[in-house]
Amino acid sequence: KVPDAHESRSVDMDFHYRDAFKGVSLPDAYERLLLDAIRSDASLFARSDEIKLAWTLIDPILQAWQDNTPPLTTYNRDSWGPAEADELLARAGQTWWLGCGGHENGE
């Protein structure tokens, strides 16, 4: 993207903005955000209702992890995975599709 413009153009992937866009003044890390705040341009800011909604989704997950840490299921390398994965699918009436010539005995 061309800095301070609503357009893009192709550039080499190994570049530094100052080299690729000579003569363009590039703002420091917070300079752009502070200037946008002064101009009442909230396009780069999250609204408080968005943040609150995000936390209403995340808080129950964090709380569940804190209250009841699930056990870590391990399995041997070169295996088809833990038996619990097979049990999970079996409860739903499903089985793994062992493509590429795979067999249930792991061969």
N, C-alpha and C. Protein backbone atom coordinates (compact mmCIF):
# COMPACT_ATOMS: atom_id res chain seq x y z
N LYS A 1 0.84 -1.17 0.00
CA LYS A 1 0.00 0.00 0.00
C LYS A 1 0.89 1.23 0.00
N VAL A 2 0.50 2.20 -0.80
CA VAL A 2 1.23 3.46 -0.83
C VAL A 2 0.87 4.23 0.43
N PRO A 3 1.87 4.65 1.22
CA PRO A 3 1.57 5.37 2.46
C PRO A 3 0.74 6.63 2.20
N ASP A 4 -0.19 6.90 3.09
CA ASP A 4 -1.06 8.08 3.04
C ASP A 4 -1.85 8.17 1.74
N ALA A 5 -2.17 7.05 1.15
CA ALA A 5 -2.98 7.04 -0.07
C ALA A 5 -3.88 5.82 -0.04
N HIS A 6 -4.95 5.89 -0.78
CA HIS A 6 -5.88 4.76 -0.89
C HIS A 6 -5.61 4.00 -2.19
N GLU A 7 -4.37 3.59 -2.35
CA GLU A 7 -3.99 2.85 -3.55
C GLU A 7 -2.83 1.92 -3.20
N SER A 8 -2.61 0.97 -4.05
CA SER A 8 -1.49 0.06 -3.86
C SER A 8 -0.73 -0.06 -5.16
N ARG A 9 0.49 -0.52 -5.06
CA ARG A 9 1.29 -0.77 -6.24
C ARG A 9 2.29 -1.86 -5.92
N SER A 10 2.78 -2.52 -6.94
CA SER A 10 3.74 -3.61 -6.76
C SER A 10 5.10 -3.04 -6.38
N VAL A 11 5.73 -3.70 -5.43
CA VAL A 11 7.09 -3.35 -5.03
C VAL A 11 7.83 -4.65 -4.75
N ASP A 12 9.16 -4.60 -4.70
CA ASP A 12 9.95 -5.77 -4.33
C ASP A 12 9.61 -6.15 -2.89
N MET A 13 9.57 -7.45 -2.61
CA MET A 13 9.23 -7.91 -1.27
C MET A 13 10.35 -7.64 -0.26
N ASP A 14 11.56 -7.49 -0.72
CA ASP A 14 12.68 -7.17 0.16
C ASP A 14 12.85 -5.66 0.12
N PHE A 15 12.10 -4.97 0.95
CA PHE A 15 12.14 -3.52 0.87
C PHE A 15 11.99 -2.89 2.24
N HIS A 16 12.35 -1.64 2.29
CA HIS A 16 12.11 -0.78 3.43
C HIS A 16 11.23 0.35 2.90
N TYR A 17 10.20 0.71 3.64
CA TYR A 17 9.29 1.74 3.16
C TYR A 17 10.03 3.00 2.73
N ARG A 18 11.01 3.41 3.50
CA ARG A 18 11.72 4.65 3.17
C ARG A 18 12.45 4.55 1.82
N ASP A 19 12.90 3.34 1.45
CA ASP A 19 13.56 3.16 0.16
C ASP A 19 12.54 3.06 -0.97
N ALA A 20 11.44 2.37 -0.73
CA ALA A 20 10.44 2.15 -1.78
C ALA A 20 9.60 3.39 -2.05
N PHE A 21 9.42 4.23 -1.05
CA PHE A 21 8.57 5.42 -1.20
C PHE A 21 9.37 6.66 -0.81
N LYS A 22 10.37 6.94 -1.62
CA LYS A 22 11.24 8.09 -1.34
C LYS A 22 10.44 9.39 -1.39
N GLY A 23 10.79 10.28 -0.49
CA GLY A 23 10.15 11.59 -0.46
C GLY A 23 8.83 11.62 0.30
N VAL A 24 8.38 10.48 0.81
CA VAL A 24 7.14 10.43 1.57
C VAL A 24 7.50 10.44 3.05
N SER A 25 6.89 11.33 3.79
CA SER A 25 7.13 11.39 5.23
C SER A 25 6.36 10.27 5.91
N LEU A 26 7.08 9.39 6.60
CA LEU A 26 6.45 8.26 7.28
C LEU A 26 6.34 8.57 8.77
N PRO A 27 5.16 8.43 9.34
CA PRO A 27 4.99 8.74 10.76
C PRO A 27 5.64 7.68 11.65
N ASP A 28 6.02 8.10 12.86
CA ASP A 28 6.53 7.16 13.86
C ASP A 28 5.40 6.28 14.35
N ALA A 29 5.71 5.33 15.20
CA ALA A 29 4.75 4.31 15.63
C ALA A 29 3.44 4.90 16.14
N TYR A 30 3.50 5.84 17.06
CA TYR A 30 2.28 6.37 17.65
C TYR A 30 1.84 7.69 17.02
N GLU A 31 2.68 8.27 16.21
CA GLU A 31 2.36 9.56 15.58
C GLU A 31 1.07 9.46 14.76
N ARG A 32 0.94 8.40 13.99
CA ARG A 32 -0.25 8.21 13.15
C ARG A 32 -1.50 8.07 14.01
N LEU A 33 -1.42 7.25 15.07
CA LEU A 33 -2.59 7.06 15.93
C LEU A 33 -2.98 8.34 16.66
N LEU A 34 -1.99 9.07 17.15
CA LEU A 34 -2.29 10.33 17.84
C LEU A 34 -2.92 11.34 16.88
N LEU A 35 -2.39 11.44 15.68
CA LEU A 35 -2.95 12.35 14.69
C LEU A 35 -4.37 11.94 14.33
N ASP A 36 -4.61 10.64 14.16
CA ASP A 36 -5.97 10.17 13.87
C ASP A 36 -6.91 10.49 15.02
N ALA A 37 -6.45 10.35 16.25
CA ALA A 37 -7.29 10.67 17.40
C ALA A 37 -7.64 12.16 17.41
N ILE A 38 -6.67 13.00 17.12
CA ILE A 38 -6.92 14.45 17.07
C ILE A 38 -7.93 14.78 15.97
N ARG A 39 -7.86 14.06 14.86
CA ARG A 39 -8.77 14.30 13.73
C ARG A 39 -10.11 13.58 13.88
N SER A 40 -10.29 12.87 14.99
CA SER A 40 -11.51 12.07 15.24
C SER A 40 -11.70 10.97 14.20
N ASP A 41 -10.60 10.45 13.69
CA ASP A 41 -10.64 9.33 12.75
C ASP A 41 -10.44 8.06 13.56
N ALA A 42 -11.51 7.33 13.81
CA ALA A 42 -11.45 6.14 14.66
C ALA A 42 -11.26 4.85 13.86
N SER A 43 -10.90 4.94 12.59
CA SER A 43 -10.83 3.74 11.75
C SER A 43 -9.78 2.74 12.21
N LEU A 44 -8.74 3.16 12.91
CA LEU A 44 -7.71 2.24 13.40
C LEU A 44 -7.89 1.89 14.87
N PHE A 45 -8.99 2.30 15.47
CA PHE A 45 -9.24 2.06 16.88
C PHE A 45 -10.41 1.09 17.05
N ALA A 46 -10.34 0.28 18.09
CA ALA A 46 -11.47 -0.60 18.43
C ALA A 46 -12.42 0.19 19.33
N ARG A 47 -13.72 0.08 19.05
CA ARG A 47 -14.71 0.75 19.89
C ARG A 47 -14.87 -0.02 21.19
N SER A 48 -15.31 0.67 22.24
CA SER A 48 -15.46 0.03 23.55
C SER A 48 -16.48 -1.09 23.50
N ASP A 49 -17.56 -0.95 22.72
CA ASP A 49 -18.55 -2.02 22.65
C ASP A 49 -17.97 -3.26 21.96
N GLU A 50 -17.06 -3.07 21.01
CA GLU A 50 -16.40 -4.20 20.36
C GLU A 50 -15.51 -4.94 21.35
N ILE A 51 -14.78 -4.18 22.15
CA ILE A 51 -13.89 -4.79 23.14
C ILE A 51 -14.70 -5.55 24.19
N LYS A 52 -15.78 -4.94 24.67
CA LYS A 52 -16.63 -5.60 25.67
C LYS A 52 -17.23 -6.88 25.11
N LEU A 53 -17.68 -6.85 23.86
CA LEU A 53 -18.24 -8.05 23.24
C LEU A 53 -17.19 -9.14 23.11
N ALA A 54 -15.99 -8.75 22.71
CA ALA A 54 -14.91 -9.74 22.58
C ALA A 54 -14.63 -10.42 23.92
N TRP A 55 -14.62 -9.64 25.00
CA TRP A 55 -14.36 -10.23 26.32
C TRP A 55 -15.52 -11.09 26.79
N THR A 56 -16.76 -10.79 26.38
CA THR A 56 -17.87 -11.67 26.77
C THR A 56 -17.73 -13.04 26.11
N LEU A 57 -17.03 -13.11 25.00
CA LEU A 57 -16.78 -14.38 24.33
C LEU A 57 -15.58 -15.11 24.94
N ILE A 58 -14.56 -14.36 25.31
CA ILE A 58 -13.31 -14.94 25.79
C ILE A 58 -13.35 -15.28 27.28
N ASP A 59 -13.98 -14.44 28.10
CA ASP A 59 -14.00 -14.67 29.55
C ASP A 59 -14.49 -16.05 29.95
N PRO A 60 -15.60 -16.56 29.39
CA PRO A 60 -16.04 -17.91 29.78
C PRO A 60 -15.01 -19.00 29.45
N ILE A 61 -14.30 -18.83 28.37
CA ILE A 61 -13.28 -19.81 28.00
C ILE A 61 -12.14 -19.77 29.01
N LEU A 62 -11.67 -18.56 29.32
CA LEU A 62 -10.59 -18.43 30.30
C LEU A 62 -11.01 -18.97 31.66
N GLN A 63 -12.24 -18.69 32.06
CA GLN A 63 -12.74 -19.17 33.35
C GLN A 63 -12.84 -20.69 33.37
N ALA A 64 -13.32 -21.27 32.28
CA ALA A 64 -13.42 -22.73 32.21
C ALA A 64 -12.05 -23.38 32.29
N TRP A 65 -11.07 -22.80 31.63
CA TRP A 65 -9.71 -23.33 31.71
C TRP A 65 -9.17 -23.23 33.13
N GLN A 66 -9.47 -22.12 33.79
CA GLN A 66 -8.97 -21.92 35.15
C GLN A 66 -9.66 -22.87 36.12
N ASP A 67 -10.96 -23.06 35.96
CA ASP A 67 -11.73 -23.90 36.88
C ASP A 67 -11.49 -25.39 36.68
N ASN A 68 -11.30 -25.80 35.46
CA ASN A 68 -11.21 -27.22 35.15
C ASN A 68 -10.20 -27.42 34.03
N THR A 69 -8.95 -27.47 34.41
CA THR A 69 -7.91 -27.65 33.42
C THR A 69 -8.06 -29.03 32.78
N PRO A 70 -8.31 -29.08 31.48
CA PRO A 70 -8.48 -30.39 30.84
C PRO A 70 -7.16 -31.16 30.83
N PRO A 71 -7.24 -32.48 30.94
CA PRO A 71 -6.00 -33.26 30.91
C PRO A 71 -5.38 -33.21 29.51
N LEU A 72 -4.08 -33.25 29.48
CA LEU A 72 -3.36 -33.26 28.21
C LEU A 72 -3.27 -34.70 27.72
N THR A 73 -3.87 -34.97 26.59
CA THR A 73 -3.85 -36.31 26.02
C THR A 73 -2.59 -36.47 25.18
N THR A 74 -1.85 -37.51 25.46
CA THR A 74 -0.63 -37.76 24.69
C THR A 74 -0.79 -39.05 23.90
N TYR A 75 0.09 -39.23 22.94
CA TYR A 75 0.08 -40.45 22.13
C TYR A 75 1.47 -40.66 21.55
N ASN A 76 1.73 -41.88 21.17
CA ASN A 76 3.04 -42.23 20.63
C ASN A 76 3.24 -41.63 19.25
N ARG A 77 4.46 -41.21 18.98
CA ARG A 77 4.77 -40.74 17.63
C ARG A 77 4.60 -41.90 16.66
N ASP A 78 4.43 -41.58 15.41
CA ASP A 78 4.20 -42.58 14.36
C ASP A 78 2.93 -43.39 14.60
N SER A 79 2.00 -42.82 15.38
CA SER A 79 0.72 -43.50 15.59
C SER A 79 -0.36 -42.70 14.88
N TRP A 80 -1.57 -43.21 14.91
CA TRP A 80 -2.70 -42.51 14.30
C TRP A 80 -3.34 -41.52 15.28
N GLY A 81 -2.73 -41.31 16.42
CA GLY A 81 -3.26 -40.36 17.39
C GLY A 81 -3.81 -41.06 18.62
N PRO A 82 -4.35 -40.28 19.55
CA PRO A 82 -4.83 -40.86 20.80
C PRO A 82 -6.14 -41.63 20.62
N ALA A 83 -6.33 -42.62 21.47
CA ALA A 83 -7.57 -43.42 21.44
C ALA A 83 -8.78 -42.53 21.71
N GLU A 84 -8.60 -41.46 22.48
CA GLU A 84 -9.71 -40.55 22.78
C GLU A 84 -10.29 -39.93 21.51
N ALA A 85 -9.45 -39.74 20.50
CA ALA A 85 -9.95 -39.19 19.23
C ALA A 85 -10.89 -40.18 18.56
N ASP A 86 -10.54 -41.45 18.61
CA ASP A 86 -11.41 -42.49 18.05
C ASP A 86 -12.73 -42.56 18.83
N GLU A 87 -12.63 -42.45 20.15
CA GLU A 87 -13.82 -42.51 20.99
C GLU A 87 -14.74 -41.32 20.72
N LEU A 88 -14.16 -40.16 20.51
CA LEU A 88 -14.95 -38.96 20.21
C LEU A 88 -15.75 -39.16 18.92
N LEU A 89 -15.11 -39.66 17.90
CA LEU A 89 -15.80 -39.90 16.64
C LEU A 89 -16.83 -41.02 16.78
N ALA A 90 -16.49 -42.06 17.54
CA ALA A 90 -17.41 -43.19 17.71
C ALA A 90 -18.71 -42.73 18.38
N ARG A 91 -18.62 -41.80 19.33
CA ARG A 91 -19.82 -41.29 20.00
C ARG A 91 -20.74 -40.58 19.00
N ALA A 92 -20.16 -40.05 17.94
CA ALA A 92 -20.95 -39.38 16.90
C ALA A 92 -21.29 -40.33 15.76
N GLY A 93 -20.95 -41.62 15.92
CA GLY A 93 -21.23 -42.60 14.88
C GLY A 93 -20.32 -42.47 13.67
N GLN A 94 -19.13 -41.94 13.88
CA GLN A 94 -18.19 -41.72 12.78
C GLN A 94 -16.91 -42.49 13.03
N THR A 95 -16.11 -42.62 11.98
CA THR A 95 -14.78 -43.21 12.09
C THR A 95 -13.82 -42.38 11.25
N TRP A 96 -12.54 -42.54 11.52
CA TRP A 96 -11.53 -41.85 10.72
C TRP A 96 -11.47 -42.47 9.34
N TRP A 97 -11.20 -41.65 8.35
CA TRP A 97 -10.93 -42.15 7.01
C TRP A 97 -9.42 -42.28 6.92
N LEU A 98 -8.94 -43.49 6.80
CA LEU A 98 -7.51 -43.74 6.77
C LEU A 98 -7.07 -43.83 5.32
N GLY A 99 -6.87 -42.69 4.70
CA GLY A 99 -6.49 -42.63 3.29
C GLY A 99 -5.04 -43.03 3.08
N CYS A 100 -4.61 -43.00 1.86
CA CYS A 100 -3.23 -43.30 1.46
C CYS A 100 -2.79 -44.68 1.91
N GLY A 101 -3.70 -45.66 1.87
CA GLY A 101 -3.33 -47.03 2.20
C GLY A 101 -3.20 -47.31 3.67
N GLY A 102 -3.65 -46.39 4.53
CA GLY A 102 -3.55 -46.60 5.96
C GLY A 102 -4.49 -47.69 6.44
N HIS A 103 -4.09 -48.38 7.47
CA HIS A 103 -4.89 -49.45 8.06
C HIS A 103 -5.06 -49.15 9.54
N GLU A 104 -6.08 -49.70 10.13
CA GLU A 104 -6.35 -49.43 11.53
C GLU A 104 -5.23 -49.90 12.45
N ASN A 105 -4.45 -50.85 12.05
CA ASN A 105 -3.36 -51.32 12.91
C ASN A 105 -2.11 -50.45 12.77
N GLY A 106 -2.22 -49.33 12.03
CA GLY A 106 -1.13 -48.38 11.92
C GLY A 106 -0.13 -48.67 10.83
N GLU A 107 -0.35 -49.74 10.06
CA GLU A 107 0.60 -50.07 8.99
C GLU A 107 0.30 -49.30 7.73
